[in-house]
Each structure stands twice: as structure tokens, then as C-alpha cells.
């Protein structure tokens, strides 16, 4: 049986396309990606335009010089199936409720306690502690890299330019 949340995600991914009708907005993208987007647009009845799907997110975020294009693709990717026709939020709420009920029926305080009881972590708090041991150094390294890239971006653009999540891959590719 296919989970409804997976089905919603697949439907969203199949339905989504960001349509470009100005060739200038394609600057920086590999020719292969541009050709594939033209073919996708043709399939979707947008002849003479370019259709970018969520399969193109990584390439767009890394190479597209058009910042608005990168932002739109990033936001579409990070908000998949979280609103509209394919909204998974009600489904997820129901899953959380059922998991909690299952854990209580089996004698556990929470679903997290149920899930961690038979693994190395043994408790939810141990799992959180392990993740935090990784998270804190990773954030420290990220902030250092961000400061370096922000400094380079400031010298290339203006002091008002603030790197956003949709700029990260592009800036790393361009400056690192």
C-alpha cells in the first residue's frame, strides 16, 4: 500500500514546473539543462519556453545567475506538499496522532521512546545529545564559511547584499 503522504509528494513533484519565457534568465545554466527544460516545456504545452521541475533544483541553485529564479526554485523545493491540493500537513498530523497512540498502547511514554528503545541510543534524550554533538560544530563551521562567502559577495556586489539559502550553492560554485 502506498502512503498518502508519499502519493501527495509524488503528485506535487510531477505537477510542479517553473516556466521561464525570457532566455536571459537562463544565464549560467548548462546547455544540457536548458535543452531538457525546453523539452519539458514542450511536453507541458509551453512551446518556445523553458519548464524547470524539482529535478532541476540542484543545477538551478548551483549555476543560475538569476537570483529570483534560484529563490523560486528553492522555495518550491523546501515547501513540497505543504499547502494546496497536495497538502500533507493534515496527513502528517494524523500520522503523529496514530504513532502516539501506538506508543502508549505498547507502554511507552512517546513514539520517540518506542523508536529508540531497541537501538543504540536507547532514549530520545541520548539521540538528541548525539545529534547536538554533531550539530554544534557543524553550525560553527557553516557560520565561518558563510562569513567568508559573504565577504567575497560584498566585494563583488554591494554591502547590502545578504546571502540567502538560495544563494549558497551558487556562491560556493562562483567563489570557492
C-alpha atoms as a PDB file:
ATOM      1  CA  UNK A   1       0.000   0.000   0.000  1.00  0.00           C
ATOM      2  CA  UNK A   2       1.312   3.463  -0.945  1.00  0.00           C
ATOM      3  CA  UNK A   3       1.285   6.035   1.838  1.00  0.00           C
ATOM      4  CA  UNK A   4      -0.916   9.034   1.029  1.00  0.00           C
ATOM      5  CA  UNK A   5       1.879  11.422   2.063  1.00  0.00           C
ATOM      6  CA  UNK A   6       4.207   9.812  -0.495  1.00  0.00           C
ATOM      7  CA  UNK A   7       1.490   9.981  -3.120  1.00  0.00           C
ATOM      8  CA  UNK A   8       0.932  13.703  -2.409  1.00  0.00           C
ATOM      9  CA  UNK A   9       4.644  14.345  -2.677  1.00  0.00           C
ATOM     10  CA  UNK A  10       4.902  12.488  -5.987  1.00  0.00           C
ATOM     11  CA  UNK A  11       1.874  14.350  -7.356  1.00  0.00           C
ATOM     12  CA  UNK A  12       3.328  17.694  -6.262  1.00  0.00           C
ATOM     13  CA  UNK A  13       6.700  16.912  -7.801  1.00  0.00           C
ATOM     14  CA  UNK A  14       5.100  15.769 -11.067  1.00  0.00           C
ATOM     15  CA  UNK A  15       2.808  18.802 -11.196  1.00  0.00           C
ATOM     16  CA  UNK A  16       5.384  21.489 -10.382  1.00  0.00           C
ATOM     17  CA  UNK A  17       7.108  23.434 -13.137  1.00  0.00           C
ATOM     18  CA  UNK A  18       8.672  26.868 -13.061  1.00  0.00           C
ATOM     19  CA  UNK A  19       8.187  28.376 -16.508  1.00  0.00           C
ATOM     20  CA  UNK A  20      10.750  30.776 -17.949  1.00  0.00           C
ATOM     21  CA  UNK A  21       9.930  32.779 -21.048  1.00  0.00           C
ATOM     22  CA  UNK A  22      12.962  35.103 -21.138  1.00  0.00           C
ATOM     23  CA  UNK A  23      16.164  33.467 -22.357  1.00  0.00           C
ATOM     24  CA  UNK A  24      18.279  35.985 -20.397  1.00  0.00           C
ATOM     25  CA  UNK A  25      17.107  34.317 -17.166  1.00  0.00           C
ATOM     26  CA  UNK A  26      18.878  31.094 -18.207  1.00  0.00           C
ATOM     27  CA  UNK A  27      22.343  32.662 -17.948  1.00  0.00           C
ATOM     28  CA  UNK A  28      24.843  30.387 -16.213  1.00  0.00           C
ATOM     29  CA  UNK A  29      22.897  27.157 -16.691  1.00  0.00           C
ATOM     30  CA  UNK A  30      24.493  24.234 -18.549  1.00  0.00           C
ATOM     31  CA  UNK A  31      23.312  23.839 -22.155  1.00  0.00           C
ATOM     32  CA  UNK A  32      22.073  20.319 -21.426  1.00  0.00           C
ATOM     33  CA  UNK A  33      19.801  21.626 -18.653  1.00  0.00           C
ATOM     34  CA  UNK A  34      18.446  24.353 -20.939  1.00  0.00           C
ATOM     35  CA  UNK A  35      17.679  21.809 -23.684  1.00  0.00           C
ATOM     36  CA  UNK A  36      15.950  19.493 -21.205  1.00  0.00           C
ATOM     37  CA  UNK A  37      13.891  22.427 -19.878  1.00  0.00           C
ATOM     38  CA  UNK A  38      12.834  23.318 -23.434  1.00  0.00           C
ATOM     39  CA  UNK A  39      11.730  19.702 -23.996  1.00  0.00           C
ATOM     40  CA  UNK A  40       9.854  19.713 -20.684  1.00  0.00           C
ATOM     41  CA  UNK A  41       8.107  22.950 -21.657  1.00  0.00           C
ATOM     42  CA  UNK A  42       7.099  21.432 -24.974  1.00  0.00           C
ATOM     43  CA  UNK A  43       5.660  18.355 -23.190  1.00  0.00           C
ATOM     44  CA  UNK A  44       3.664  20.709 -20.936  1.00  0.00           C
ATOM     45  CA  UNK A  45       2.421  22.735 -23.914  1.00  0.00           C
ATOM     46  CA  UNK A  46       4.628  25.786 -23.291  1.00  0.00           C
ATOM     47  CA  UNK A  47       6.284  25.738 -26.699  1.00  0.00           C
ATOM     48  CA  UNK A  48       9.160  28.230 -27.002  1.00  0.00           C
ATOM     49  CA  UNK A  49       9.635  28.478 -23.240  1.00  0.00           C
ATOM     50  CA  UNK A  50      11.561  26.538 -20.605  1.00  0.00           C
ATOM     51  CA  UNK A  51       9.997  24.443 -17.820  1.00  0.00           C
ATOM     52  CA  UNK A  52      12.107  23.593 -14.800  1.00  0.00           C
ATOM     53  CA  UNK A  53      10.998  20.802 -12.489  1.00  0.00           C
ATOM     54  CA  UNK A  54      12.137  19.915  -8.990  1.00  0.00           C
ATOM     55  CA  UNK A  55      14.619  17.510 -10.606  1.00  0.00           C
ATOM     56  CA  UNK A  56      16.449  20.664 -11.746  1.00  0.00           C
ATOM     57  CA  UNK A  57      16.741  22.278  -8.296  1.00  0.00           C
ATOM     58  CA  UNK A  58      20.372  21.389  -7.648  1.00  0.00           C
ATOM     59  CA  UNK A  59      21.514  22.611 -11.062  1.00  0.00           C
ATOM     60  CA  UNK A  60      19.492  25.835 -10.828  1.00  0.00           C
ATOM     61  CA  UNK A  61      20.741  26.601  -7.305  1.00  0.00           C
ATOM     62  CA  UNK A  62      24.341  25.984  -8.353  1.00  0.00           C
ATOM     63  CA  UNK A  63      24.528  27.683 -11.756  1.00  0.00           C
ATOM     64  CA  UNK A  64      21.611  30.065 -12.439  1.00  0.00           C
ATOM     65  CA  UNK A  65      22.743  33.673 -12.229  1.00  0.00           C
ATOM     66  CA  UNK A  66      19.135  34.865 -11.894  1.00  0.00           C
ATOM     67  CA  UNK A  67      18.686  35.193  -8.136  1.00  0.00           C
ATOM     68  CA  UNK A  68      14.872  35.351  -8.275  1.00  0.00           C
ATOM     69  CA  UNK A  69      14.811  32.131 -10.303  1.00  0.00           C
ATOM     70  CA  UNK A  70      17.006  30.440  -7.687  1.00  0.00           C
ATOM     71  CA  UNK A  71      14.746  31.718  -4.902  1.00  0.00           C
ATOM     72  CA  UNK A  72      11.566  30.458  -6.564  1.00  0.00           C
ATOM     73  CA  UNK A  73      13.033  27.013  -7.148  1.00  0.00           C
ATOM     74  CA  UNK A  74      14.429  26.821  -3.605  1.00  0.00           C
ATOM     75  CA  UNK A  75      11.106  27.796  -2.063  1.00  0.00           C
ATOM     76  CA  UNK A  76       9.183  25.331  -4.230  1.00  0.00           C
ATOM     77  CA  UNK A  77      11.583  22.572  -3.190  1.00  0.00           C
ATOM     78  CA  UNK A  78      11.520  23.354   0.530  1.00  0.00           C
ATOM     79  CA  UNK A  79       7.739  23.651   0.710  1.00  0.00           C
ATOM     80  CA  UNK A  80       6.828  20.499  -1.208  1.00  0.00           C
ATOM     81  CA  UNK A  81       3.338  19.169  -0.490  1.00  0.00           C
ATOM     82  CA  UNK A  82       2.791  21.606   2.385  1.00  0.00           C
ATOM     83  CA  UNK A  83      -0.190  23.526   1.002  1.00  0.00           C
ATOM     84  CA  UNK A  84      -2.808  23.470  -1.700  1.00  0.00           C
ATOM     85  CA  UNK A  85      -4.141  20.423  -3.488  1.00  0.00           C
ATOM     86  CA  UNK A  86      -1.300  18.121  -2.382  1.00  0.00           C
ATOM     87  CA  UNK A  87      -1.054  19.327   1.224  1.00  0.00           C
ATOM     88  CA  UNK A  88       0.465  16.706   3.520  1.00  0.00           C
ATOM     89  CA  UNK A  89       0.078  18.658   6.774  1.00  0.00           C
ATOM     90  CA  UNK A  90      -3.295  17.094   7.740  1.00  0.00           C
ATOM     91  CA  UNK A  91      -1.916  13.658   6.846  1.00  0.00           C
ATOM     92  CA  UNK A  92       1.195  14.232   8.958  1.00  0.00           C
ATOM     93  CA  UNK A  93      -0.910  15.374  11.927  1.00  0.00           C
ATOM     94  CA  UNK A  94      -2.921  12.150  11.684  1.00  0.00           C
ATOM     95  CA  UNK A  95       0.266  10.057  11.489  1.00  0.00           C
ATOM     96  CA  UNK A  96       1.636  11.774  14.612  1.00  0.00           C
ATOM     97  CA  UNK A  97      -1.604  11.085  16.480  1.00  0.00           C
ATOM     98  CA  UNK A  98      -1.645   7.405  15.466  1.00  0.00           C
ATOM     99  CA  UNK A  99       2.048   6.942  16.328  1.00  0.00           C
ATOM    100  CA  UNK A 100       1.468   8.447  19.767  1.00  0.00           C
ATOM    101  CA  UNK A 101      -1.483   6.114  20.347  1.00  0.00           C
ATOM    102  CA  UNK A 102       0.596   3.128  19.233  1.00  0.00           C
ATOM    103  CA  UNK A 103       3.439   4.029  21.603  1.00  0.00           C
ATOM    104  CA  UNK A 104       1.060   4.409  24.551  1.00  0.00           C
ATOM    105  CA  UNK A 105      -0.645   1.104  23.773  1.00  0.00           C
ATOM    106  CA  UNK A 106       2.771  -0.578  23.818  1.00  0.00           C
ATOM    107  CA  UNK A 107       3.630   1.016  27.162  1.00  0.00           C
ATOM    108  CA  UNK A 108       5.950   3.798  26.005  1.00  0.00           C
ATOM    109  CA  UNK A 109       5.812   7.447  27.044  1.00  0.00           C
ATOM    110  CA  UNK A 110       6.120   8.636  23.449  1.00  0.00           C
ATOM    111  CA  UNK A 111       6.720   7.414  19.903  1.00  0.00           C
ATOM    112  CA  UNK A 112      10.315   8.650  20.220  1.00  0.00           C
ATOM    113  CA  UNK A 113      10.782   6.414  23.284  1.00  0.00           C
ATOM    114  CA  UNK A 114       9.297   3.484  21.355  1.00  0.00           C
ATOM    115  CA  UNK A 115      11.591   4.101  18.361  1.00  0.00           C
ATOM    116  CA  UNK A 116      14.792   4.463  20.372  1.00  0.00           C
ATOM    117  CA  UNK A 117      14.226   1.627  22.878  1.00  0.00           C
ATOM    118  CA  UNK A 118      15.767  -1.079  20.663  1.00  0.00           C
ATOM    119  CA  UNK A 119      18.585   0.905  19.072  1.00  0.00           C
ATOM    120  CA  UNK A 120      21.962   2.133  20.279  1.00  0.00           C
ATOM    121  CA  UNK A 121      20.633   5.446  21.600  1.00  0.00           C
ATOM    122  CA  UNK A 122      18.110   3.692  23.902  1.00  0.00           C
ATOM    123  CA  UNK A 123      16.362   7.005  24.785  1.00  0.00           C
ATOM    124  CA  UNK A 124      15.166  10.079  22.880  1.00  0.00           C
ATOM    125  CA  UNK A 125      17.455  12.280  25.003  1.00  0.00           C
ATOM    126  CA  UNK A 126      20.512  10.211  24.066  1.00  0.00           C
ATOM    127  CA  UNK A 127      19.566  10.554  20.398  1.00  0.00           C
ATOM    128  CA  UNK A 128      19.198  14.326  20.804  1.00  0.00           C
ATOM    129  CA  UNK A 129      22.551  14.552  22.593  1.00  0.00           C
ATOM    130  CA  UNK A 130      24.281  12.644  19.795  1.00  0.00           C
ATOM    131  CA  UNK A 131      22.749  14.925  17.176  1.00  0.00           C
ATOM    132  CA  UNK A 132      23.716  18.042  19.122  1.00  0.00           C
ATOM    133  CA  UNK A 133      27.324  16.826  19.317  1.00  0.00           C
ATOM    134  CA  UNK A 134      27.328  16.902  15.526  1.00  0.00           C
ATOM    135  CA  UNK A 135      25.068  19.945  15.081  1.00  0.00           C
ATOM    136  CA  UNK A 136      27.007  22.483  17.147  1.00  0.00           C
ATOM    137  CA  UNK A 137      30.385  22.023  15.370  1.00  0.00           C
ATOM    138  CA  UNK A 138      28.604  21.921  12.005  1.00  0.00           C
ATOM    139  CA  UNK A 139      26.875  25.253  12.709  1.00  0.00           C
ATOM    140  CA  UNK A 140      30.187  26.781  13.811  1.00  0.00           C
ATOM    141  CA  UNK A 141      31.833  25.664  10.540  1.00  0.00           C
ATOM    142  CA  UNK A 142      28.849  26.853   8.498  1.00  0.00           C
ATOM    143  CA  UNK A 143      28.978  30.317  10.082  1.00  0.00           C
ATOM    144  CA  UNK A 144      32.696  30.583   9.309  1.00  0.00           C
ATOM    145  CA  UNK A 145      32.166  29.583   5.661  1.00  0.00           C
ATOM    146  CA  UNK A 146      29.181  31.925   5.379  1.00  0.00           C
ATOM    147  CA  UNK A 147      31.254  34.851   6.687  1.00  0.00           C
ATOM    148  CA  UNK A 148      33.965  34.101   4.101  1.00  0.00           C
ATOM    149  CA  UNK A 149      31.486  33.887   1.235  1.00  0.00           C
ATOM    150  CA  UNK A 150      29.584  36.953   2.475  1.00  0.00           C
ATOM    151  CA  UNK A 151      32.832  38.931   2.499  1.00  0.00           C
ATOM    152  CA  UNK A 152      33.583  37.924  -1.087  1.00  0.00           C
ATOM    153  CA  UNK A 153      29.977  38.635  -2.150  1.00  0.00           C
ATOM    154  CA  UNK A 154      30.179  42.092  -0.555  1.00  0.00           C
ATOM    155  CA  UNK A 155      33.293  42.932  -2.541  1.00  0.00           C
ATOM    156  CA  UNK A 156      31.650  41.654  -5.756  1.00  0.00           C
ATOM    157  CA  UNK A 157      28.230  43.260  -5.196  1.00  0.00           C
ATOM    158  CA  UNK A 158      27.319  45.751  -2.544  1.00  0.00           C
ATOM    159  CA  UNK A 159      27.392  45.859   1.249  1.00  0.00           C
ATOM    160  CA  UNK A 160      23.584  45.438   1.185  1.00  0.00           C
ATOM    161  CA  UNK A 161      23.792  42.004  -0.434  1.00  0.00           C
ATOM    162  CA  UNK A 162      22.787  39.363   2.096  1.00  0.00           C
ATOM    163  CA  UNK A 163      23.354  35.731   1.200  1.00  0.00           C
ATOM    164  CA  UNK A 164      20.126  33.739   1.448  1.00  0.00           C
ATOM    165  CA  UNK A 165      19.715  29.945   1.368  1.00  0.00           C
ATOM    166  CA  UNK A 166      19.033  30.004  -2.397  1.00  0.00           C
ATOM    167  CA  UNK A 167      22.379  31.801  -2.943  1.00  0.00           C
ATOM    168  CA  UNK A 168      24.554  29.308  -1.047  1.00  0.00           C
ATOM    169  CA  UNK A 169      25.363  26.752  -3.798  1.00  0.00           C
ATOM    170  CA  UNK A 170      25.749  29.483  -6.422  1.00  0.00           C
ATOM    171  CA  UNK A 171      28.159  31.489  -4.271  1.00  0.00           C
ATOM    172  CA  UNK A 172      30.184  28.411  -3.355  1.00  0.00           C
ATOM    173  CA  UNK A 173      30.465  27.455  -7.019  1.00  0.00           C
ATOM    174  CA  UNK A 174      31.371  31.002  -8.030  1.00  0.00           C
ATOM    175  CA  UNK A 175      33.817  31.928  -5.270  1.00  0.00           C
ATOM    176  CA  UNK A 176      35.208  28.787  -3.652  1.00  0.00           C
END
